[in-house]
């Protein structure tokens, strides 16, 4: 009985440490994913976006227009969206088990359908971990004033 008690106490003491290490690893992984996403948009890398976005992915832009996965990838790969630079900072990652929310700031230079969309944006990305990898399920972006 004493042996079982010791095992239970040790397990309880190390569980928070293990969970914190897992959360920290997930946070670093999601930051890497966000930066890779930025590069994929600039390079118009449709296959990378196809893998990153869940089938139910929805993007709500700063004008309130909602695009699904197919529409968003088509905007990027067709040239309707021409993004010269996509720089992220002020990233904050919150992991809730198999779900994560990433917020941050994006300094963008580019055009959409010939209209200048350069500016400073705040965004929220929602991810779900499926089959061992994070997929984006939703993005909301807001044009912000400096």
N, C-alpha and C. Protein backbone atom coordinates (compact mmCIF):
# COMPACT_ATOMS: atom_id res chain seq x y z
N UNK A 1 0.82 -1.20 0.00
CA UNK A 1 0.00 0.00 0.00
C UNK A 1 0.87 1.26 0.00
N UNK A 2 1.93 1.23 0.81
CA UNK A 2 2.82 2.37 0.89
C UNK A 2 3.48 2.63 -0.47
N UNK A 3 3.83 1.58 -1.19
CA UNK A 3 4.45 1.70 -2.51
C UNK A 3 3.50 2.38 -3.50
N UNK A 4 2.25 2.01 -3.49
CA UNK A 4 1.25 2.61 -4.38
C UNK A 4 1.09 4.09 -4.05
N UNK A 5 1.06 4.42 -2.77
CA UNK A 5 0.93 5.80 -2.35
C UNK A 5 2.09 6.64 -2.89
N UNK A 6 3.32 6.12 -2.78
CA UNK A 6 4.51 6.83 -3.26
C UNK A 6 4.43 7.03 -4.77
N UNK A 7 4.01 6.03 -5.51
CA UNK A 7 3.89 6.13 -6.96
C UNK A 7 2.86 7.19 -7.33
N UNK A 8 1.73 7.20 -6.64
CA UNK A 8 0.68 8.20 -6.92
C UNK A 8 1.19 9.61 -6.62
N UNK A 9 1.86 9.79 -5.52
CA UNK A 9 2.38 11.12 -5.16
C UNK A 9 3.40 11.58 -6.19
N UNK A 10 4.31 10.72 -6.59
CA UNK A 10 5.32 11.09 -7.59
C UNK A 10 4.65 11.45 -8.91
N UNK A 11 3.67 10.67 -9.31
CA UNK A 11 2.95 10.95 -10.56
C UNK A 11 2.26 12.30 -10.49
N UNK A 12 1.65 12.60 -9.37
CA UNK A 12 0.97 13.90 -9.22
C UNK A 12 1.95 15.07 -9.24
N UNK A 13 3.13 14.85 -8.69
CA UNK A 13 4.13 15.92 -8.68
C UNK A 13 4.69 16.19 -10.07
N UNK A 14 4.85 15.18 -10.90
CA UNK A 14 5.46 15.36 -12.21
C UNK A 14 4.46 15.65 -13.33
N UNK A 15 3.19 15.42 -13.10
CA UNK A 15 2.19 15.68 -14.14
C UNK A 15 2.18 17.15 -14.57
N UNK A 16 2.16 18.13 -13.65
CA UNK A 16 2.18 19.53 -14.11
C UNK A 16 3.43 19.87 -14.91
N UNK A 17 4.57 19.31 -14.54
CA UNK A 17 5.81 19.57 -15.27
C UNK A 17 5.69 19.01 -16.69
N UNK A 18 5.20 17.79 -16.81
CA UNK A 18 5.04 17.18 -18.14
C UNK A 18 4.06 17.96 -18.99
N UNK A 19 2.96 18.39 -18.39
CA UNK A 19 1.97 19.18 -19.14
C UNK A 19 2.56 20.52 -19.59
N UNK A 20 3.33 21.16 -18.73
CA UNK A 20 3.95 22.44 -19.09
C UNK A 20 4.94 22.26 -20.23
N UNK A 21 5.72 21.17 -20.19
CA UNK A 21 6.67 20.92 -21.27
C UNK A 21 5.95 20.66 -22.58
N UNK A 22 4.84 19.93 -22.53
CA UNK A 22 4.05 19.66 -23.73
C UNK A 22 3.46 20.95 -24.28
N UNK A 23 2.92 21.80 -23.40
CA UNK A 23 2.34 23.07 -23.84
C UNK A 23 3.42 23.95 -24.47
N UNK A 24 4.60 24.01 -23.84
CA UNK A 24 5.68 24.83 -24.39
C UNK A 24 6.11 24.32 -25.76
N UNK A 25 6.20 23.00 -25.92
CA UNK A 25 6.56 22.43 -27.22
C UNK A 25 5.50 22.77 -28.26
N UNK A 26 4.23 22.70 -27.88
CA UNK A 26 3.15 23.04 -28.80
C UNK A 26 3.19 24.52 -29.17
N UNK A 27 3.49 25.37 -28.19
CA UNK A 27 3.59 26.81 -28.47
C UNK A 27 4.68 27.08 -29.49
N UNK A 28 5.85 26.47 -29.31
CA UNK A 28 6.95 26.66 -30.26
C UNK A 28 6.60 26.11 -31.63
N UNK A 29 5.91 24.97 -31.66
CA UNK A 29 5.49 24.38 -32.93
C UNK A 29 4.52 25.30 -33.66
N UNK A 30 3.59 25.89 -32.93
CA UNK A 30 2.60 26.77 -33.55
C UNK A 30 3.23 28.07 -34.05
N UNK A 31 4.21 28.59 -33.36
CA UNK A 31 4.92 29.77 -33.84
C UNK A 31 5.64 29.44 -35.15
N UNK A 32 6.25 28.27 -35.20
CA UNK A 32 6.92 27.83 -36.43
C UNK A 32 5.90 27.68 -37.56
N UNK A 33 4.74 27.12 -37.26
CA UNK A 33 3.68 26.97 -38.26
C UNK A 33 3.23 28.33 -38.77
N UNK A 34 3.03 29.28 -37.87
CA UNK A 34 2.60 30.63 -38.27
C UNK A 34 3.61 31.27 -39.22
N UNK A 35 4.90 31.14 -38.92
CA UNK A 35 5.92 31.71 -39.79
C UNK A 35 5.98 31.00 -41.13
N UNK A 36 5.81 29.68 -41.12
CA UNK A 36 5.74 28.93 -42.37
C UNK A 36 4.55 29.33 -43.21
N UNK A 37 3.44 29.60 -42.54
CA UNK A 37 2.21 30.04 -43.21
C UNK A 37 2.47 31.36 -43.92
N UNK A 38 3.12 32.29 -43.24
CA UNK A 38 3.46 33.58 -43.85
C UNK A 38 4.28 33.39 -45.11
N UNK A 39 5.28 32.53 -45.03
CA UNK A 39 6.13 32.26 -46.19
C UNK A 39 5.34 31.62 -47.32
N UNK A 40 4.43 30.72 -46.98
CA UNK A 40 3.61 30.05 -48.01
C UNK A 40 2.74 31.06 -48.75
N UNK A 41 2.21 32.05 -48.04
CA UNK A 41 1.38 33.07 -48.67
C UNK A 41 2.22 33.91 -49.62
N UNK A 42 3.38 34.35 -49.19
CA UNK A 42 4.25 35.17 -50.03
C UNK A 42 4.69 34.39 -51.28
N UNK A 43 4.98 33.10 -51.09
CA UNK A 43 5.45 32.27 -52.21
C UNK A 43 4.31 31.67 -53.03
N UNK A 44 3.07 31.93 -52.62
CA UNK A 44 1.88 31.38 -53.30
C UNK A 44 1.94 29.85 -53.35
N UNK A 45 2.29 29.26 -52.24
CA UNK A 45 2.48 27.82 -52.13
C UNK A 45 1.16 27.12 -51.77
N UNK A 46 0.38 26.82 -52.80
CA UNK A 46 -0.92 26.18 -52.63
C UNK A 46 -0.85 24.86 -51.88
N UNK A 47 0.08 23.94 -52.22
CA UNK A 47 0.15 22.67 -51.49
C UNK A 47 0.40 22.85 -49.99
N UNK A 48 1.24 23.80 -49.61
CA UNK A 48 1.49 24.04 -48.19
C UNK A 48 0.21 24.53 -47.50
N UNK A 49 -0.52 25.43 -48.15
CA UNK A 49 -1.77 25.92 -47.57
C UNK A 49 -2.82 24.81 -47.51
N UNK A 50 -2.86 23.99 -48.54
CA UNK A 50 -3.80 22.86 -48.59
C UNK A 50 -3.60 21.95 -47.38
N UNK A 51 -2.36 21.71 -47.02
CA UNK A 51 -2.06 20.85 -45.88
C UNK A 51 -2.33 21.55 -44.56
N UNK A 52 -2.07 22.84 -44.48
CA UNK A 52 -2.25 23.59 -43.24
C UNK A 52 -3.71 23.77 -42.89
N UNK A 53 -4.56 24.07 -43.87
CA UNK A 53 -5.96 24.37 -43.61
C UNK A 53 -6.78 23.10 -43.44
N UNK A 54 -7.60 23.06 -42.41
CA UNK A 54 -8.59 21.99 -42.27
C UNK A 54 -9.64 22.18 -43.35
N UNK A 55 -10.35 21.13 -43.68
CA UNK A 55 -11.37 21.23 -44.73
C UNK A 55 -12.42 22.29 -44.41
N UNK A 56 -12.72 22.50 -43.12
CA UNK A 56 -13.74 23.46 -42.72
C UNK A 56 -13.18 24.87 -42.46
N UNK A 57 -11.94 25.10 -42.84
CA UNK A 57 -11.30 26.40 -42.59
C UNK A 57 -12.12 27.56 -43.14
N UNK A 58 -12.21 28.62 -42.32
CA UNK A 58 -12.88 29.86 -42.72
C UNK A 58 -11.99 31.04 -42.36
N UNK A 59 -11.88 31.97 -43.30
CA UNK A 59 -11.12 33.20 -43.09
C UNK A 59 -12.07 34.38 -43.16
N UNK A 60 -12.09 35.19 -42.10
CA UNK A 60 -12.89 36.41 -42.09
C UNK A 60 -11.92 37.58 -42.18
N UNK A 61 -12.02 38.34 -43.29
CA UNK A 61 -11.06 39.44 -43.49
C UNK A 61 -11.52 40.71 -42.79
N UNK A 62 -10.73 41.75 -42.90
CA UNK A 62 -11.01 42.98 -42.15
C UNK A 62 -12.23 43.74 -42.69
N UNK A 63 -12.74 43.33 -43.86
CA UNK A 63 -13.98 43.92 -44.38
C UNK A 63 -15.20 43.08 -44.00
N UNK A 64 -14.97 41.98 -43.28
CA UNK A 64 -16.07 41.11 -42.88
C UNK A 64 -16.42 40.05 -43.91
N UNK A 65 -15.65 39.96 -44.98
CA UNK A 65 -15.89 38.94 -46.01
C UNK A 65 -15.34 37.61 -45.52
N UNK A 66 -16.14 36.55 -45.67
CA UNK A 66 -15.74 35.21 -45.23
C UNK A 66 -15.41 34.36 -46.45
N UNK A 67 -14.25 33.71 -46.39
CA UNK A 67 -13.82 32.82 -47.46
C UNK A 67 -13.55 31.44 -46.87
N UNK A 68 -13.88 30.40 -47.64
CA UNK A 68 -13.57 29.05 -47.18
C UNK A 68 -12.17 28.66 -47.65
N UNK A 69 -11.79 27.44 -47.35
CA UNK A 69 -10.45 26.94 -47.69
C UNK A 69 -10.16 27.08 -49.18
N UNK A 70 -11.07 26.60 -50.01
CA UNK A 70 -10.86 26.63 -51.45
C UNK A 70 -10.73 28.06 -51.97
N UNK A 71 -11.60 28.95 -51.51
CA UNK A 71 -11.57 30.34 -51.94
C UNK A 71 -10.28 31.04 -51.51
N UNK A 72 -9.87 30.81 -50.26
CA UNK A 72 -8.68 31.49 -49.75
C UNK A 72 -7.43 31.04 -50.50
N UNK A 73 -7.30 29.74 -50.71
CA UNK A 73 -6.14 29.23 -51.45
C UNK A 73 -6.15 29.75 -52.88
N UNK A 74 -7.32 29.80 -53.50
CA UNK A 74 -7.42 30.32 -54.88
C UNK A 74 -7.01 31.79 -54.93
N UNK A 75 -7.41 32.58 -53.94
CA UNK A 75 -7.01 34.00 -53.91
C UNK A 75 -5.49 34.14 -53.90
N UNK A 76 -4.85 33.31 -53.11
CA UNK A 76 -3.39 33.38 -52.97
C UNK A 76 -2.69 32.87 -54.23
N UNK A 77 -3.10 31.71 -54.72
CA UNK A 77 -2.36 31.07 -55.82
C UNK A 77 -2.67 31.66 -57.19
N UNK A 78 -3.84 32.28 -57.34
CA UNK A 78 -4.22 32.83 -58.65
C UNK A 78 -3.55 34.17 -58.95
N UNK A 79 -3.05 34.81 -57.89
CA UNK A 79 -2.47 36.13 -58.09
C UNK A 79 -3.44 37.26 -57.75
N UNK A 80 -4.70 36.92 -57.41
CA UNK A 80 -5.61 38.00 -56.96
C UNK A 80 -5.03 38.70 -55.75
N UNK A 81 -4.42 37.90 -54.88
CA UNK A 81 -3.70 38.47 -53.73
C UNK A 81 -2.21 38.39 -54.06
N UNK A 82 -1.57 39.52 -54.09
CA UNK A 82 -0.12 39.57 -54.35
C UNK A 82 0.53 40.15 -53.10
N UNK A 83 1.11 39.27 -52.32
CA UNK A 83 1.70 39.67 -51.04
C UNK A 83 3.21 39.71 -51.18
N UNK A 84 3.79 40.89 -51.00
CA UNK A 84 5.24 41.06 -51.10
C UNK A 84 5.93 40.71 -49.79
N UNK A 85 5.30 41.05 -48.67
CA UNK A 85 5.86 40.70 -47.37
C UNK A 85 4.74 40.52 -46.36
N UNK A 86 5.01 39.67 -45.38
CA UNK A 86 4.01 39.24 -44.41
C UNK A 86 4.80 38.97 -43.13
N UNK A 87 4.99 39.99 -42.31
CA UNK A 87 5.85 39.89 -41.14
C UNK A 87 5.03 39.82 -39.86
N UNK A 88 5.31 38.79 -39.06
CA UNK A 88 4.56 38.57 -37.83
C UNK A 88 5.36 39.04 -36.62
N UNK A 89 4.64 39.55 -35.62
CA UNK A 89 5.24 39.81 -34.32
C UNK A 89 4.14 39.81 -33.26
N UNK A 90 4.54 39.98 -32.03
CA UNK A 90 3.63 40.00 -30.89
C UNK A 90 2.75 38.74 -30.84
N UNK A 91 3.35 37.59 -31.18
CA UNK A 91 2.58 36.34 -31.17
C UNK A 91 2.35 35.86 -29.74
N UNK A 92 1.12 35.44 -29.49
CA UNK A 92 0.75 34.84 -28.21
C UNK A 92 0.01 33.55 -28.53
N UNK A 93 0.44 32.49 -27.89
CA UNK A 93 -0.13 31.16 -28.14
C UNK A 93 -0.77 30.64 -26.86
N UNK A 94 -2.00 30.18 -26.98
CA UNK A 94 -2.72 29.56 -25.86
C UNK A 94 -3.18 28.19 -26.32
N UNK A 95 -2.70 27.16 -25.63
CA UNK A 95 -3.03 25.79 -25.99
C UNK A 95 -4.03 25.25 -24.98
N UNK A 96 -5.11 24.66 -25.50
CA UNK A 96 -6.16 24.07 -24.69
C UNK A 96 -6.34 22.61 -25.13
N UNK A 97 -5.40 21.77 -24.74
CA UNK A 97 -5.46 20.37 -25.15
C UNK A 97 -5.17 20.23 -26.64
N UNK A 98 -6.17 19.81 -27.39
CA UNK A 98 -6.02 19.60 -28.84
C UNK A 98 -6.47 20.82 -29.64
N UNK A 99 -6.70 21.93 -28.97
CA UNK A 99 -7.11 23.18 -29.62
C UNK A 99 -6.14 24.28 -29.18
N UNK A 100 -5.87 25.21 -30.09
CA UNK A 100 -4.98 26.33 -29.76
C UNK A 100 -5.47 27.60 -30.43
N UNK A 101 -5.21 28.71 -29.76
CA UNK A 101 -5.53 30.03 -30.30
C UNK A 101 -4.23 30.83 -30.35
N UNK A 102 -3.95 31.37 -31.53
CA UNK A 102 -2.76 32.20 -31.71
C UNK A 102 -3.23 33.60 -32.10
N UNK A 103 -2.75 34.59 -31.38
CA UNK A 103 -3.03 35.98 -31.73
C UNK A 103 -1.72 36.67 -32.03
N UNK A 104 -1.80 37.74 -32.81
CA UNK A 104 -0.58 38.46 -33.12
C UNK A 104 -0.84 39.66 -34.01
N UNK A 105 0.27 40.21 -34.46
CA UNK A 105 0.24 41.36 -35.34
C UNK A 105 0.95 40.98 -36.63
N UNK A 106 0.43 41.47 -37.74
CA UNK A 106 0.97 41.18 -39.06
C UNK A 106 1.17 42.49 -39.79
N UNK A 107 2.38 42.74 -40.22
CA UNK A 107 2.65 43.89 -41.06
C UNK A 107 2.72 43.38 -42.49
N UNK A 108 1.77 43.80 -43.30
CA UNK A 108 1.59 43.26 -44.64
C UNK A 108 1.86 44.32 -45.69
N UNK A 109 2.51 43.90 -46.78
CA UNK A 109 2.66 44.74 -47.96
C UNK A 109 2.16 43.93 -49.14
N UNK A 110 1.16 44.48 -49.82
CA UNK A 110 0.63 43.76 -50.96
C UNK A 110 -0.64 44.37 -51.51
N UNK A 111 -1.22 43.65 -52.48
CA UNK A 111 -2.46 44.09 -53.10
C UNK A 111 -3.44 42.93 -53.17
N UNK A 112 -4.72 43.26 -53.25
CA UNK A 112 -5.77 42.28 -53.51
C UNK A 112 -6.63 42.83 -54.63
N UNK A 113 -6.66 42.10 -55.73
CA UNK A 113 -7.38 42.54 -56.93
C UNK A 113 -6.98 43.96 -57.32
N UNK A 114 -5.68 44.25 -57.21
CA UNK A 114 -5.13 45.54 -57.61
C UNK A 114 -5.24 46.63 -56.56
N UNK A 115 -5.97 46.40 -55.47
CA UNK A 115 -6.14 47.40 -54.41
C UNK A 115 -5.07 47.19 -53.34
N UNK A 116 -4.43 48.29 -52.95
CA UNK A 116 -3.40 48.22 -51.91
C UNK A 116 -4.03 47.80 -50.59
N UNK A 117 -3.53 46.70 -50.01
CA UNK A 117 -4.02 46.24 -48.71
C UNK A 117 -2.91 46.28 -47.67
N UNK A 118 -1.85 47.01 -47.99
CA UNK A 118 -0.73 47.11 -47.06
C UNK A 118 -1.20 47.74 -45.75
N UNK A 119 -0.64 47.26 -44.68
CA UNK A 119 -1.00 47.82 -43.39
C UNK A 119 -0.60 46.92 -42.25
N UNK A 120 -1.09 47.29 -41.11
CA UNK A 120 -0.79 46.64 -39.86
C UNK A 120 -2.08 45.98 -39.41
N UNK A 121 -2.06 44.68 -39.24
CA UNK A 121 -3.27 43.91 -38.91
C UNK A 121 -3.10 43.17 -37.58
N UNK A 122 -4.19 43.00 -36.88
CA UNK A 122 -4.28 42.11 -35.73
C UNK A 122 -5.04 40.88 -36.20
N UNK A 123 -4.61 39.69 -35.74
CA UNK A 123 -5.28 38.48 -36.19
C UNK A 123 -5.46 37.49 -35.04
N UNK A 124 -6.41 36.60 -35.24
CA UNK A 124 -6.63 35.46 -34.36
C UNK A 124 -6.75 34.23 -35.24
N UNK A 125 -5.92 33.24 -34.97
CA UNK A 125 -5.97 31.96 -35.68
C UNK A 125 -6.35 30.87 -34.68
N UNK A 126 -7.23 29.99 -35.09
CA UNK A 126 -7.64 28.85 -34.26
C UNK A 126 -7.17 27.58 -34.94
N UNK A 127 -6.52 26.72 -34.16
CA UNK A 127 -5.97 25.46 -34.65
C UNK A 127 -6.57 24.29 -33.87
N UNK A 128 -6.66 23.15 -34.55
CA UNK A 128 -7.05 21.89 -33.93
C UNK A 128 -6.00 20.87 -34.29
N UNK A 129 -5.58 20.07 -33.31
CA UNK A 129 -4.59 19.03 -33.58
C UNK A 129 -5.31 17.76 -33.98
N UNK A 130 -4.99 17.29 -35.19
CA UNK A 130 -5.61 16.09 -35.74
C UNK A 130 -4.51 15.18 -36.29
N UNK A 131 -4.60 13.92 -35.96
CA UNK A 131 -3.63 12.94 -36.46
C UNK A 131 -2.19 13.42 -36.22
N UNK A 132 -1.97 14.05 -35.07
CA UNK A 132 -0.63 14.47 -34.69
C UNK A 132 -0.12 15.76 -35.29
N UNK A 133 -0.97 16.48 -36.02
CA UNK A 133 -0.51 17.76 -36.59
C UNK A 133 -1.58 18.84 -36.42
N UNK A 134 -1.11 20.07 -36.32
CA UNK A 134 -2.00 21.21 -36.14
C UNK A 134 -2.56 21.64 -37.50
N UNK A 135 -3.86 21.90 -37.54
CA UNK A 135 -4.51 22.44 -38.73
C UNK A 135 -5.27 23.70 -38.35
N UNK A 136 -5.22 24.71 -39.23
CA UNK A 136 -5.98 25.94 -39.01
C UNK A 136 -7.44 25.69 -39.36
N UNK A 137 -8.34 26.10 -38.46
CA UNK A 137 -9.77 25.96 -38.72
C UNK A 137 -10.45 27.32 -38.90
N UNK A 138 -9.83 28.38 -38.38
CA UNK A 138 -10.44 29.71 -38.53
C UNK A 138 -9.39 30.80 -38.35
N UNK A 139 -9.59 31.88 -39.10
CA UNK A 139 -8.76 33.08 -38.99
C UNK A 139 -9.68 34.29 -39.05
N UNK A 140 -9.37 35.27 -38.22
CA UNK A 140 -10.05 36.57 -38.29
C UNK A 140 -8.96 37.62 -38.27
N UNK A 141 -9.04 38.56 -39.21
CA UNK A 141 -8.02 39.59 -39.35
C UNK A 141 -8.67 40.97 -39.34
N UNK A 142 -8.05 41.90 -38.62
CA UNK A 142 -8.58 43.26 -38.50
C UNK A 142 -7.49 44.28 -38.81
N UNK A 143 -7.79 45.18 -39.72
CA UNK A 143 -6.87 46.28 -40.01
C UNK A 143 -6.82 47.17 -38.78
N UNK A 144 -5.62 47.43 -38.28
CA UNK A 144 -5.47 48.19 -37.05
C UNK A 144 -4.74 49.51 -37.32
N UNK A 145 -4.97 50.46 -36.46
CA UNK A 145 -4.24 51.71 -36.52
C UNK A 145 -3.05 51.60 -35.60
N UNK A 146 -1.93 52.16 -36.02
CA UNK A 146 -0.72 52.11 -35.19
C UNK A 146 -0.84 53.06 -34.03
